[in-house]
Amino acid sequence: MEDYRYTLRQSCFCAPSGRVRLEVREGDVASAGYVGRAGDRVPDSLCLSVNDLLARADDDVDRATVTWAAGSPAPSRISIDHDTNMSDDEVRWSISGFRVLDPVPSPILD
């Protein structure tokens, strides 16, 4: 998956919060904006591609759960618990509105 758009919601005992609409082009986040909060800057910590999220679930964490909806090219939820012996360090990302986009055409060089 290189070109797609989706909405991300992060749930944790951390800031910031809210739904973020992201567009990913050639595997990198090309744009991000809060849903319903035009003009608010989205911090880099929420500018994550689906591959970034999956990599976090694959990091050195005590527990990770990735939930896929049937037939979807992206997970619907990713939950991680960095340390099962600690409280309030869990993070959950919900993914919705996932849509594959047509690739951006490469410029023709003369």
PDB file of N, CA and C in Angstrom:
ATOM      1  N   MET A   1       0.841  -1.173   0.000  1.00  0.00           N
ATOM      2  CA  MET A   1       0.000   0.000   0.000  1.00  0.00           C
ATOM      3  C   MET A   1       0.890   1.242   0.000  1.00  0.00           C
ATOM      4  N   GLU A   2       0.759   2.019  -1.008  1.00  0.00           N
ATOM      5  CA  GLU A   2       1.582   3.215  -1.123  1.00  0.00           C
ATOM      6  C   GLU A   2       0.764   4.500  -1.090  1.00  0.00           C
ATOM      7  N   ASP A   3      -0.440   4.456  -1.670  1.00  0.00           N
ATOM      8  CA  ASP A   3      -1.260   5.657  -1.809  1.00  0.00           C
ATOM      9  C   ASP A   3      -2.649   5.385  -1.253  1.00  0.00           C
ATOM     10  N   TYR A   4      -2.996   6.084  -0.165  1.00  0.00           N
ATOM     11  CA  TYR A   4      -4.291   5.864   0.466  1.00  0.00           C
ATOM     12  C   TYR A   4      -4.625   7.016   1.397  1.00  0.00           C
ATOM     13  N   ARG A   5      -5.864   7.024   1.837  1.00  0.00           N
ATOM     14  CA  ARG A   5      -6.364   8.026   2.774  1.00  0.00           C
ATOM     15  C   ARG A   5      -7.109   7.281   3.881  1.00  0.00           C
ATOM     16  N   TYR A   6      -6.997   7.773   5.104  1.00  0.00           N
ATOM     17  CA  TYR A   6      -7.731   7.167   6.205  1.00  0.00           C
ATOM     18  C   TYR A   6      -7.872   8.141   7.369  1.00  0.00           C
ATOM     19  N   THR A   7      -8.746   7.784   8.303  1.00  0.00           N
ATOM     20  CA  THR A   7      -8.939   8.568   9.520  1.00  0.00           C
ATOM     21  C   THR A   7      -8.394   7.768  10.685  1.00  0.00           C
ATOM     22  N   LEU A   8      -7.617   8.449  11.524  1.00  0.00           N
ATOM     23  CA  LEU A   8      -6.966   7.832  12.676  1.00  0.00           C
ATOM     24  C   LEU A   8      -7.500   8.469  13.951  1.00  0.00           C
ATOM     25  N   ARG A   9      -7.812   7.643  14.919  1.00  0.00           N
ATOM     26  CA  ARG A   9      -8.171   8.134  16.252  1.00  0.00           C
ATOM     27  C   ARG A   9      -7.284   7.416  17.256  1.00  0.00           C
ATOM     28  N   GLN A  10      -6.568   8.186  18.048  1.00  0.00           N
ATOM     29  CA  GLN A  10      -5.683   7.634  19.071  1.00  0.00           C
ATOM     30  C   GLN A  10      -6.374   7.735  20.422  1.00  0.00           C
ATOM     31  N   SER A  11      -6.375   6.622  21.150  1.00  0.00           N
ATOM     32  CA  SER A  11      -6.947   6.603  22.493  1.00  0.00           C
ATOM     33  C   SER A  11      -5.855   6.194  23.464  1.00  0.00           C
ATOM     34  N   CYS A  12      -5.600   7.066  24.437  1.00  0.00           N
ATOM     35  CA  CYS A  12      -4.571   6.781  25.431  1.00  0.00           C
ATOM     36  C   CYS A  12      -4.661   7.831  26.536  1.00  0.00           C
ATOM     37  N   PHE A  13      -3.837   7.676  27.561  1.00  0.00           N
ATOM     38  CA  PHE A  13      -3.702   8.682  28.600  1.00  0.00           C
ATOM     39  C   PHE A  13      -2.595   9.644  28.175  1.00  0.00           C
ATOM     40  N   CYS A  14      -2.841  10.324  27.077  1.00  0.00           N
ATOM     41  CA  CYS A  14      -1.847  11.225  26.513  1.00  0.00           C
ATOM     42  C   CYS A  14      -2.563  12.282  25.678  1.00  0.00           C
ATOM     43  N   ALA A  15      -1.852  13.301  25.346  1.00  0.00           N
ATOM     44  CA  ALA A  15      -2.393  14.327  24.465  1.00  0.00           C
ATOM     45  C   ALA A  15      -1.618  14.223  23.165  1.00  0.00           C
ATOM     46  N   PRO A  16      -2.085  14.629  22.083  1.00  0.00           N
ATOM     47  CA  PRO A  16      -3.378  15.234  21.801  1.00  0.00           C
ATOM     48  C   PRO A  16      -4.425  14.172  21.488  1.00  0.00           C
ATOM     49  N   SER A  17      -5.643  14.627  21.271  1.00  0.00           N
ATOM     50  CA  SER A  17      -6.703  13.693  20.927  1.00  0.00           C
ATOM     51  C   SER A  17      -7.500  14.251  19.761  1.00  0.00           C
ATOM     52  N   GLY A  18      -8.424  13.464  19.286  1.00  0.00           N
ATOM     53  CA  GLY A  18      -9.239  13.864  18.144  1.00  0.00           C
ATOM     54  C   GLY A  18      -8.979  12.966  16.956  1.00  0.00           C
ATOM     55  N   ARG A  19      -9.870  13.064  15.984  1.00  0.00           N
ATOM     56  CA  ARG A  19      -9.724  12.277  14.763  1.00  0.00           C
ATOM     57  C   ARG A  19      -8.877  13.048  13.767  1.00  0.00           C
ATOM     58  N   VAL A  20      -7.948  12.337  13.138  1.00  0.00           N
ATOM     59  CA  VAL A  20      -7.031  12.938  12.170  1.00  0.00           C
ATOM     60  C   VAL A  20      -7.233  12.250  10.824  1.00  0.00           C
ATOM     61  N   ARG A  21      -7.420  13.059   9.788  1.00  0.00           N
ATOM     62  CA  ARG A  21      -7.545  12.547   8.422  1.00  0.00           C
ATOM     63  C   ARG A  21      -6.164  12.639   7.780  1.00  0.00           C
ATOM     64  N   LEU A  22      -5.644  11.491   7.316  1.00  0.00           N
ATOM     65  CA  LEU A  22      -4.302  11.447   6.733  1.00  0.00           C
ATOM     66  C   LEU A  22      -4.353  10.984   5.292  1.00  0.00           C
ATOM     67  N   GLU A  23      -3.484  11.569   4.490  1.00  0.00           N
ATOM     68  CA  GLU A  23      -3.290  11.092   3.130  1.00  0.00           C
ATOM     69  C   GLU A  23      -1.841  10.657   3.006  1.00  0.00           C
ATOM     70  N   VAL A  24      -1.665   9.449   2.518  1.00  0.00           N
ATOM     71  CA  VAL A  24      -0.334   8.858   2.367  1.00  0.00           C
ATOM     72  C   VAL A  24      -0.053   8.703   0.885  1.00  0.00           C
ATOM     73  N   ARG A  25       1.105   9.205   0.476  1.00  0.00           N
ATOM     74  CA  ARG A  25       1.529   9.108  -0.919  1.00  0.00           C
ATOM     75  C   ARG A  25       2.910   8.476  -0.955  1.00  0.00           C
ATOM     76  N   GLU A  26       3.034   7.455  -1.791  1.00  0.00           N
ATOM     77  CA  GLU A  26       4.296   6.714  -1.941  1.00  0.00           C
ATOM     78  C   GLU A  26       4.831   6.264  -0.586  1.00  0.00           C
ATOM     79  N   GLY A  27       3.911   5.885   0.316  1.00  0.00           N
ATOM     80  CA  GLY A  27       4.280   5.332   1.618  1.00  0.00           C
ATOM     81  C   GLY A  27       4.541   6.349   2.712  1.00  0.00           C
ATOM     82  N   ASP A  28       4.549   7.648   2.389  1.00  0.00           N
ATOM     83  CA  ASP A  28       4.818   8.692   3.378  1.00  0.00           C
ATOM     84  C   ASP A  28       3.586   9.575   3.567  1.00  0.00           C
ATOM     85  N   VAL A  29       3.387  10.054   4.784  1.00  0.00           N
ATOM     86  CA  VAL A  29       2.266  10.945   5.054  1.00  0.00           C
ATOM     87  C   VAL A  29       2.492  12.249   4.295  1.00  0.00           C
ATOM     88  N   ALA A  30       1.551  12.558   3.411  1.00  0.00           N
ATOM     89  CA  ALA A  30       1.642  13.767   2.587  1.00  0.00           C
ATOM     90  C   ALA A  30       0.847  14.920   3.199  1.00  0.00           C
ATOM     91  N   SER A  31      -0.242  14.588   3.895  1.00  0.00           N
ATOM     92  CA  SER A  31      -1.034  15.634   4.540  1.00  0.00           C
ATOM     93  C   SER A  31      -1.795  15.030   5.715  1.00  0.00           C
ATOM     94  N   ALA A  32      -2.072  15.894   6.704  1.00  0.00           N
ATOM     95  CA  ALA A  32      -2.815  15.472   7.883  1.00  0.00           C
ATOM     96  C   ALA A  32      -3.579  16.662   8.431  1.00  0.00           C
ATOM     97  N   GLY A  33      -4.812  16.424   8.833  1.00  0.00           N
ATOM     98  CA  GLY A  33      -5.620  17.481   9.425  1.00  0.00           C
ATOM     99  C   GLY A  33      -6.649  16.902  10.367  1.00  0.00           C
ATOM    100  N   TYR A  34      -6.932  17.632  11.438  1.00  0.00           N
ATOM    101  CA  TYR A  34      -7.971  17.189  12.365  1.00  0.00           C
ATOM    102  C   TYR A  34      -9.334  17.283  11.701  1.00  0.00           C
ATOM    103  N   VAL A  35     -10.173  16.292  11.940  1.00  0.00           N
ATOM    104  CA  VAL A  35     -11.538  16.307  11.437  1.00  0.00           C
ATOM    105  C   VAL A  35     -12.333  17.304  12.291  1.00  0.00           C
ATOM    106  N   GLY A  36     -12.927  18.306  11.638  1.00  0.00           N
ATOM    107  CA  GLY A  36     -13.744  19.284  12.337  1.00  0.00           C
ATOM    108  C   GLY A  36     -12.964  20.361  13.070  1.00  0.00           C
ATOM    109  N   ARG A  37     -11.660  20.413  12.885  1.00  0.00           N
ATOM    110  CA  ARG A  37     -10.839  21.426  13.559  1.00  0.00           C
ATOM    111  C   ARG A  37      -9.845  22.009  12.563  1.00  0.00           C
ATOM    112  N   ALA A  38     -10.355  22.637  11.539  1.00  0.00           N
ATOM    113  CA  ALA A  38      -9.500  23.214  10.494  1.00  0.00           C
ATOM    114  C   ALA A  38      -8.524  24.209  11.099  1.00  0.00           C
ATOM    115  N   GLY A  39      -7.302  24.142  10.643  1.00  0.00           N
ATOM    116  CA  GLY A  39      -6.277  25.076  11.087  1.00  0.00           C
ATOM    117  C   GLY A  39      -5.440  24.598  12.256  1.00  0.00           C
ATOM    118  N   ASP A  40      -5.937  23.643  13.034  1.00  0.00           N
ATOM    119  CA  ASP A  40      -5.144  23.109  14.136  1.00  0.00           C
ATOM    120  C   ASP A  40      -4.037  22.229  13.573  1.00  0.00           C
ATOM    121  N   ARG A  41      -2.821  22.459  14.020  1.00  0.00           N
ATOM    122  CA  ARG A  41      -1.676  21.680  13.545  1.00  0.00           C
ATOM    123  C   ARG A  41      -1.688  20.283  14.173  1.00  0.00           C
ATOM    124  N   VAL A  42      -1.528  19.294  13.329  1.00  0.00           N
ATOM    125  CA  VAL A  42      -1.438  17.903  13.793  1.00  0.00           C
ATOM    126  C   VAL A  42       0.019  17.628  14.159  1.00  0.00           C
ATOM    127  N   PRO A  43       0.291  17.173  15.386  1.00  0.00           N
ATOM    128  CA  PRO A  43       1.686  16.906  15.767  1.00  0.00           C
ATOM    129  C   PRO A  43       2.251  15.710  15.000  1.00  0.00           C
ATOM    130  N   ASP A  44       3.553  15.704  14.855  1.00  0.00           N
ATOM    131  CA  ASP A  44       4.223  14.608  14.142  1.00  0.00           C
ATOM    132  C   ASP A  44       3.889  13.249  14.743  1.00  0.00           C
ATOM    133  N   SER A  45       3.624  13.207  16.044  1.00  0.00           N
ATOM    134  CA  SER A  45       3.332  11.930  16.712  1.00  0.00           C
ATOM    135  C   SER A  45       2.049  11.285  16.203  1.00  0.00           C
ATOM    136  N   LEU A  46       1.208  12.047  15.506  1.00  0.00           N
ATOM    137  CA  LEU A  46      -0.021  11.495  14.925  1.00  0.00           C
ATOM    138  C   LEU A  46       0.031  11.397  13.402  1.00  0.00           C
ATOM    139  N   CYS A  47       1.123  11.828  12.806  1.00  0.00           N
ATOM    140  CA  CYS A  47       1.282  11.738  11.350  1.00  0.00           C
ATOM    141  C   CYS A  47       1.905  10.389  11.020  1.00  0.00           C
ATOM    142  N   LEU A  48       1.063   9.370  11.063  1.00  0.00           N
ATOM    143  CA  LEU A  48       1.525   7.993  10.944  1.00  0.00           C
ATOM    144  C   LEU A  48       0.850   7.282   9.783  1.00  0.00           C
ATOM    145  N   SER A  49       1.647   6.624   8.967  1.00  0.00           N
ATOM    146  CA  SER A  49       1.083   5.758   7.933  1.00  0.00           C
ATOM    147  C   SER A  49       0.639   4.455   8.595  1.00  0.00           C
ATOM    148  N   VAL A  50      -0.122   3.659   7.884  1.00  0.00           N
ATOM    149  CA  VAL A  50      -0.532   2.362   8.420  1.00  0.00           C
ATOM    150  C   VAL A  50       0.707   1.504   8.694  1.00  0.00           C
ATOM    151  N   ASN A  51       1.706   1.580   7.826  1.00  0.00           N
ATOM    152  CA  ASN A  51       2.940   0.825   8.064  1.00  0.00           C
ATOM    153  C   ASN A  51       3.649   1.297   9.329  1.00  0.00           C
ATOM    154  N   ASP A  52       3.609   2.611   9.618  1.00  0.00           N
ATOM    155  CA  ASP A  52       4.176   3.127  10.866  1.00  0.00           C
ATOM    156  C   ASP A  52       3.468   2.518  12.072  1.00  0.00           C
ATOM    157  N   LEU A  53       2.144   2.461  12.004  1.00  0.00           N
ATOM    158  CA  LEU A  53       1.367   1.894  13.108  1.00  0.00           C
ATOM    159  C   LEU A  53       1.684   0.417  13.310  1.00  0.00           C
ATOM    160  N   LEU A  54       1.759  -0.317  12.201  1.00  0.00           N
ATOM    161  CA  LEU A  54       2.082  -1.743  12.299  1.00  0.00           C
ATOM    162  C   LEU A  54       3.488  -1.945  12.859  1.00  0.00           C
ATOM    163  N   ALA A  55       4.420  -1.067  12.509  1.00  0.00           N
ATOM    164  CA  ALA A  55       5.780  -1.162  13.044  1.00  0.00           C
ATOM    165  C   ALA A  55       5.779  -0.931  14.552  1.00  0.00           C
ATOM    166  N   ARG A  56       4.950  -0.018  15.028  1.00  0.00           N
ATOM    167  CA  ARG A  56       4.863   0.211  16.472  1.00  0.00           C
ATOM    168  C   ARG A  56       4.324  -1.013  17.191  1.00  0.00           C
ATOM    169  N   ALA A  57       3.398  -1.719  16.563  1.00  0.00           N
ATOM    170  CA  ALA A  57       2.867  -2.947  17.159  1.00  0.00           C
ATOM    171  C   ALA A  57       3.917  -4.048  17.160  1.00  0.00           C
ATOM    172  N   ASP A  58       4.886  -3.929  16.265  1.00  0.00           N
ATOM    173  CA  ASP A  58       5.945  -4.939  16.145  1.00  0.00           C
ATOM    174  C   ASP A  58       7.174  -4.579  16.977  1.00  0.00           C
ATOM    175  N   ASP A  59       7.151  -3.380  17.598  1.00  0.00           N
ATOM    176  CA  ASP A  59       8.274  -2.942  18.435  1.00  0.00           C
ATOM    177  C   ASP A  59       8.359  -3.800  19.696  1.00  0.00           C
ATOM    178  N   ASP A  60       9.297  -3.450  20.525  1.00  0.00           N
ATOM    179  CA  ASP A  60       9.516  -4.161  21.782  1.00  0.00           C
ATOM    180  C   ASP A  60       8.451  -3.757  22.803  1.00  0.00           C
ATOM    181  N   VAL A  61       7.257  -4.326  22.660  1.00  0.00           N
ATOM    182  CA  VAL A  61       6.151  -4.078  23.585  1.00  0.00           C
ATOM    183  C   VAL A  61       5.755  -5.407  24.222  1.00  0.00           C
ATOM    184  N   ASP A  62       5.128  -5.330  25.399  1.00  0.00           N
ATOM    185  CA  ASP A  62       4.709  -6.562  26.065  1.00  0.00           C
ATOM    186  C   ASP A  62       3.524  -7.220  25.375  1.00  0.00           C
ATOM    187  N   ARG A  63       2.614  -6.399  24.838  1.00  0.00           N
ATOM    188  CA  ARG A  63       1.427  -6.965  24.205  1.00  0.00           C
ATOM    189  C   ARG A  63       0.988  -6.063  23.063  1.00  0.00           C
ATOM    190  N   ALA A  64       0.661  -6.680  21.934  1.00  0.00           N
ATOM    191  CA  ALA A  64       0.128  -5.944  20.785  1.00  0.00           C
ATOM    192  C   ALA A  64      -0.995  -6.754  20.164  1.00  0.00           C
ATOM    193  N   THR A  65      -2.053  -6.063  19.784  1.00  0.00           N
ATOM    194  CA  THR A  65      -3.190  -6.702  19.122  1.00  0.00           C
ATOM    195  C   THR A  65      -3.521  -5.899  17.877  1.00  0.00           C
ATOM    196  N   VAL A  66      -3.600  -6.594  16.755  1.00  0.00           N
ATOM    197  CA  VAL A  66      -3.961  -5.960  15.491  1.00  0.00           C
ATOM    198  C   VAL A  66      -5.233  -6.638  15.001  1.00  0.00           C
ATOM    199  N   THR A  67      -6.284  -5.838  14.779  1.00  0.00           N
ATOM    200  CA  THR A  67      -7.579  -6.354  14.340  1.00  0.00           C
ATOM    201  C   THR A  67      -7.829  -5.925  12.906  1.00  0.00           C
ATOM    202  N   TRP A  68      -8.125  -6.910  12.058  1.00  0.00           N
ATOM    203  CA  TRP A  68      -8.397  -6.642  10.645  1.00  0.00           C
ATOM    204  C   TRP A  68      -9.865  -6.929  10.354  1.00  0.00           C
ATOM    205  N   ALA A  69     -10.518  -6.025   9.640  1.00  0.00           N
ATOM    206  CA  ALA A  69     -11.868  -6.279   9.142  1.00  0.00           C
ATOM    207  C   ALA A  69     -11.749  -7.177   7.918  1.00  0.00           C
ATOM    208  N   ALA A  70     -12.696  -8.080   7.766  1.00  0.00           N
ATOM    209  CA  ALA A  70     -12.670  -9.013   6.645  1.00  0.00           C
ATOM    210  C   ALA A  70     -12.595  -8.273   5.319  1.00  0.00           C
ATOM    211  N   GLY A  71     -11.612  -8.641   4.503  1.00  0.00           N
ATOM    212  CA  GLY A  71     -11.465  -8.073   3.171  1.00  0.00           C
ATOM    213  C   GLY A  71     -10.835  -6.687   3.118  1.00  0.00           C
ATOM    214  N   SER A  72     -10.465  -6.134   4.252  1.00  0.00           N
ATOM    215  CA  SER A  72      -9.876  -4.794   4.260  1.00  0.00           C
ATOM    216  C   SER A  72      -8.368  -4.863   4.062  1.00  0.00           C
ATOM    217  N   PRO A  73      -7.801  -3.929   3.290  1.00  0.00           N
ATOM    218  CA  PRO A  73      -6.347  -3.920   3.115  1.00  0.00           C
ATOM    219  C   PRO A  73      -5.615  -3.308   4.311  1.00  0.00           C
ATOM    220  N   ALA A  74      -6.370  -2.747   5.275  1.00  0.00           N
ATOM    221  CA  ALA A  74      -5.762  -2.118   6.444  1.00  0.00           C
ATOM    222  C   ALA A  74      -6.447  -2.621   7.712  1.00  0.00           C
ATOM    223  N   PRO A  75      -5.741  -2.621   8.822  1.00  0.00           N
ATOM    224  CA  PRO A  75      -6.374  -3.024  10.086  1.00  0.00           C
ATOM    225  C   PRO A  75      -7.407  -1.984  10.516  1.00  0.00           C
ATOM    226  N   SER A  76      -8.346  -2.403  11.344  1.00  0.00           N
ATOM    227  CA  SER A  76      -9.337  -1.466  11.878  1.00  0.00           C
ATOM    228  C   SER A  76      -8.938  -0.972  13.261  1.00  0.00           C
ATOM    229  N   ARG A  77      -8.071  -1.719  13.946  1.00  0.00           N
ATOM    230  CA  ARG A  77      -7.637  -1.314  15.280  1.00  0.00           C
ATOM    231  C   ARG A  77      -6.274  -1.926  15.582  1.00  0.00           C
ATOM    232  N   ILE A  78      -5.440  -1.132  16.230  1.00  0.00           N
ATOM    233  CA  ILE A  78      -4.138  -1.592  16.709  1.00  0.00           C
ATOM    234  C   ILE A  78      -4.019  -1.149  18.161  1.00  0.00           C
ATOM    235  N   SER A  79      -3.742  -2.083  19.045  1.00  0.00           N
ATOM    236  CA  SER A  79      -3.580  -1.772  20.466  1.00  0.00           C
ATOM    237  C   SER A  79      -2.227  -2.269  20.924  1.00  0.00           C
ATOM    238  N   ILE A  80      -1.535  -1.449  21.716  1.00  0.00           N
ATOM    239  CA  ILE A  80      -0.267  -1.891  22.281  1.00  0.00           C
ATOM    240  C   ILE A  80      -0.223  -1.557  23.765  1.00  0.00           C
ATOM    241  N   ASP A  81       0.456  -2.416  24.486  1.00  0.00           N
ATOM    242  CA  ASP A  81       0.718  -2.211  25.908  1.00  0.00           C
ATOM    243  C   ASP A  81       2.225  -2.326  26.061  1.00  0.00           C
ATOM    244  N   HIS A  82       2.863  -1.203  26.308  1.00  0.00           N
ATOM    245  CA  HIS A  82       4.326  -1.184  26.389  1.00  0.00           C
ATOM    246  C   HIS A  82       4.847  -2.065  27.519  1.00  0.00           C
ATOM    247  N   ASP A  83       4.163  -2.051  28.648  1.00  0.00           N
ATOM    248  CA  ASP A  83       4.604  -2.802  29.824  1.00  0.00           C
ATOM    249  C   ASP A  83       3.363  -3.237  30.594  1.00  0.00           C
ATOM    250  N   THR A  84       3.090  -4.526  30.608  1.00  0.00           N
ATOM    251  CA  THR A  84       1.882  -5.033  31.266  1.00  0.00           C
ATOM    252  C   THR A  84       1.915  -4.818  32.778  1.00  0.00           C
ATOM    253  N   ASN A  85       3.067  -4.497  33.337  1.00  0.00           N
ATOM    254  CA  ASN A  85       3.166  -4.235  34.772  1.00  0.00           C
ATOM    255  C   ASN A  85       2.949  -2.760  35.117  1.00  0.00           C
ATOM    256  N   MET A  86       2.725  -1.940  34.121  1.00  0.00           N
ATOM    257  CA  MET A  86       2.511  -0.495  34.327  1.00  0.00           C
ATOM    258  C   MET A  86       1.057  -0.144  33.994  1.00  0.00           C
ATOM    259  N   SER A  87       0.562   0.889  34.645  1.00  0.00           N
ATOM    260  CA  SER A  87      -0.785   1.392  34.347  1.00  0.00           C
ATOM    261  C   SER A  87      -0.687   2.575  33.392  1.00  0.00           C
ATOM    262  N   ASP A  88      -1.713   2.715  32.597  1.00  0.00           N
ATOM    263  CA  ASP A  88      -1.902   3.899  31.751  1.00  0.00           C
ATOM    264  C   ASP A  88      -0.844   4.109  30.678  1.00  0.00           C
ATOM    265  N   ASP A  89      -0.177   3.045  30.243  1.00  0.00           N
ATOM    266  CA  ASP A  89       0.785   3.193  29.145  1.00  0.00           C
ATOM    267  C   ASP A  89       0.258   2.585  27.846  1.00  0.00           C
ATOM    268  N   GLU A  90      -0.977   2.132  27.866  1.00  0.00           N
ATOM    269  CA  GLU A  90      -1.563   1.504  26.691  1.00  0.00           C
ATOM    270  C   GLU A  90      -1.964   2.570  25.667  1.00  0.00           C
ATOM    271  N   VAL A  91      -1.883   2.183  24.407  1.00  0.00           N
ATOM    272  CA  VAL A  91      -2.298   3.060  23.311  1.00  0.00           C
ATOM    273  C   VAL A  91      -3.134   2.228  22.338  1.00  0.00           C
ATOM    274  N   ARG A  92      -4.218   2.842  21.867  1.00  0.00           N
ATOM    275  CA  ARG A  92      -5.041   2.171  20.851  1.00  0.00           C
ATOM    276  C   ARG A  92      -5.281   3.149  19.717  1.00  0.00           C
ATOM    277  N   TRP A  93      -5.092   2.665  18.504  1.00  0.00           N
ATOM    278  CA  TRP A  93      -5.379   3.450  17.317  1.00  0.00           C
ATOM    279  C   TRP A  93      -6.530   2.785  16.569  1.00  0.00           C
ATOM    280  N   SER A  94      -7.543   3.550  16.246  1.00  0.00           N
ATOM    281  CA  SER A  94      -8.663   3.078  15.433  1.00  0.00           C
ATOM    282  C   SER A  94      -8.522   3.684  14.048  1.00  0.00           C
ATOM    283  N   ILE A  95      -8.684   2.847  13.053  1.00  0.00           N
ATOM    284  CA  ILE A  95      -8.542   3.252  11.653  1.00  0.00           C
ATOM    285  C   ILE A  95      -9.906   3.113  10.988  1.00  0.00           C
ATOM    286  N   SER A  96     -10.349   4.196  10.349  1.00  0.00           N
ATOM    287  CA  SER A  96     -11.633   4.146   9.654  1.00  0.00           C
ATOM    288  C   SER A  96     -11.510   4.898   8.329  1.00  0.00           C
ATOM    289  N   GLY A  97     -12.509   4.699   7.478  1.00  0.00           N
ATOM    290  CA  GLY A  97     -12.548   5.419   6.209  1.00  0.00           C
ATOM    291  C   GLY A  97     -11.375   5.146   5.296  1.00  0.00           C
ATOM    292  N   PHE A  98     -10.792   3.973   5.406  1.00  0.00           N
ATOM    293  CA  PHE A  98      -9.615   3.650   4.588  1.00  0.00           C
ATOM    294  C   PHE A  98     -10.011   3.547   3.119  1.00  0.00           C
ATOM    295  N   ARG A  99      -9.254   4.245   2.271  1.00  0.00           N
ATOM    296  CA  ARG A  99      -9.511   4.195   0.828  1.00  0.00           C
ATOM    297  C   ARG A  99      -8.201   4.254   0.067  1.00  0.00           C
ATOM    298  N   VAL A 100      -8.002   3.289  -0.814  1.00  0.00           N
ATOM    299  CA  VAL A 100      -6.827   3.286  -1.680  1.00  0.00           C
ATOM    300  C   VAL A 100      -7.019   4.375  -2.729  1.00  0.00           C
ATOM    301  N   LEU A 101      -5.953   5.140  -2.982  1.00  0.00           N
ATOM    302  CA  LEU A 101      -5.977   6.218  -3.959  1.00  0.00           C
ATOM    303  C   LEU A 101      -5.191   5.828  -5.208  1.00  0.00           C
ATOM    304  N   ASP A 102      -5.542   6.453  -6.306  1.00  0.00           N
ATOM    305  CA  ASP A 102      -4.754   6.259  -7.522  1.00  0.00           C
ATOM    306  C   ASP A 102      -3.373   6.862  -7.286  1.00  0.00           C
ATOM    307  N   PRO A 103      -2.338   6.227  -7.788  1.00  0.00           N
ATOM    308  CA  PRO A 103      -0.994   6.799  -7.613  1.00  0.00           C
ATOM    309  C   PRO A 103      -0.866   8.144  -8.325  1.00  0.00           C
ATOM    310  N   VAL A 104      -0.024   8.983  -7.774  1.00  0.00           N
ATOM    311  CA  VAL A 104       0.264  10.263  -8.416  1.00  0.00           C
ATOM    312  C   VAL A 104       1.168   9.978  -9.617  1.00  0.00           C
ATOM    313  N   PRO A 105       0.782  10.462 -10.796  1.00  0.00           N
ATOM    314  CA  PRO A 105       1.648  10.203 -11.956  1.00  0.00           C
ATOM    315  C   PRO A 105       3.009  10.872 -11.818  1.00  0.00           C
ATOM    316  N   SER A 106       4.003  10.199 -12.285  1.00  0.00           N
ATOM    317  CA  SER A 106       5.368  10.768 -12.269  1.00  0.00           C
ATOM    318  C   SER A 106       5.457  11.837 -13.338  1.00  0.00           C
ATOM    319  N   PRO A 107       6.192  12.901 -13.050  1.00  0.00           N
ATOM    320  CA  PRO A 107       6.340  13.945 -14.072  1.00  0.00           C
ATOM    321  C   PRO A 107       7.146  13.423 -15.251  1.00  0.00           C
ATOM    322  N   ILE A 108       6.788  13.885 -16.410  1.00  0.00           N
ATOM    323  CA  ILE A 108       7.516  13.494 -17.619  1.00  0.00           C
ATOM    324  C   ILE A 108       8.648  14.500 -17.817  1.00  0.00           C
ATOM    325  N   LEU A 109       9.851  13.995 -17.893  1.00  0.00           N
ATOM    326  CA  LEU A 109      11.015  14.851 -18.079  1.00  0.00           C
ATOM    327  C   LEU A 109      11.381  14.899 -19.553  1.00  0.00           C
ATOM    328  N   ASP A 110      11.648  16.086 -20.033  1.00  0.00           N
ATOM    329  CA  ASP A 110      12.032  16.246 -21.448  1.00  0.00           C
ATOM    330  C   ASP A 110      13.504  16.021 -21.602  1.00  0.00           C
TER     331      ASP A 110
END
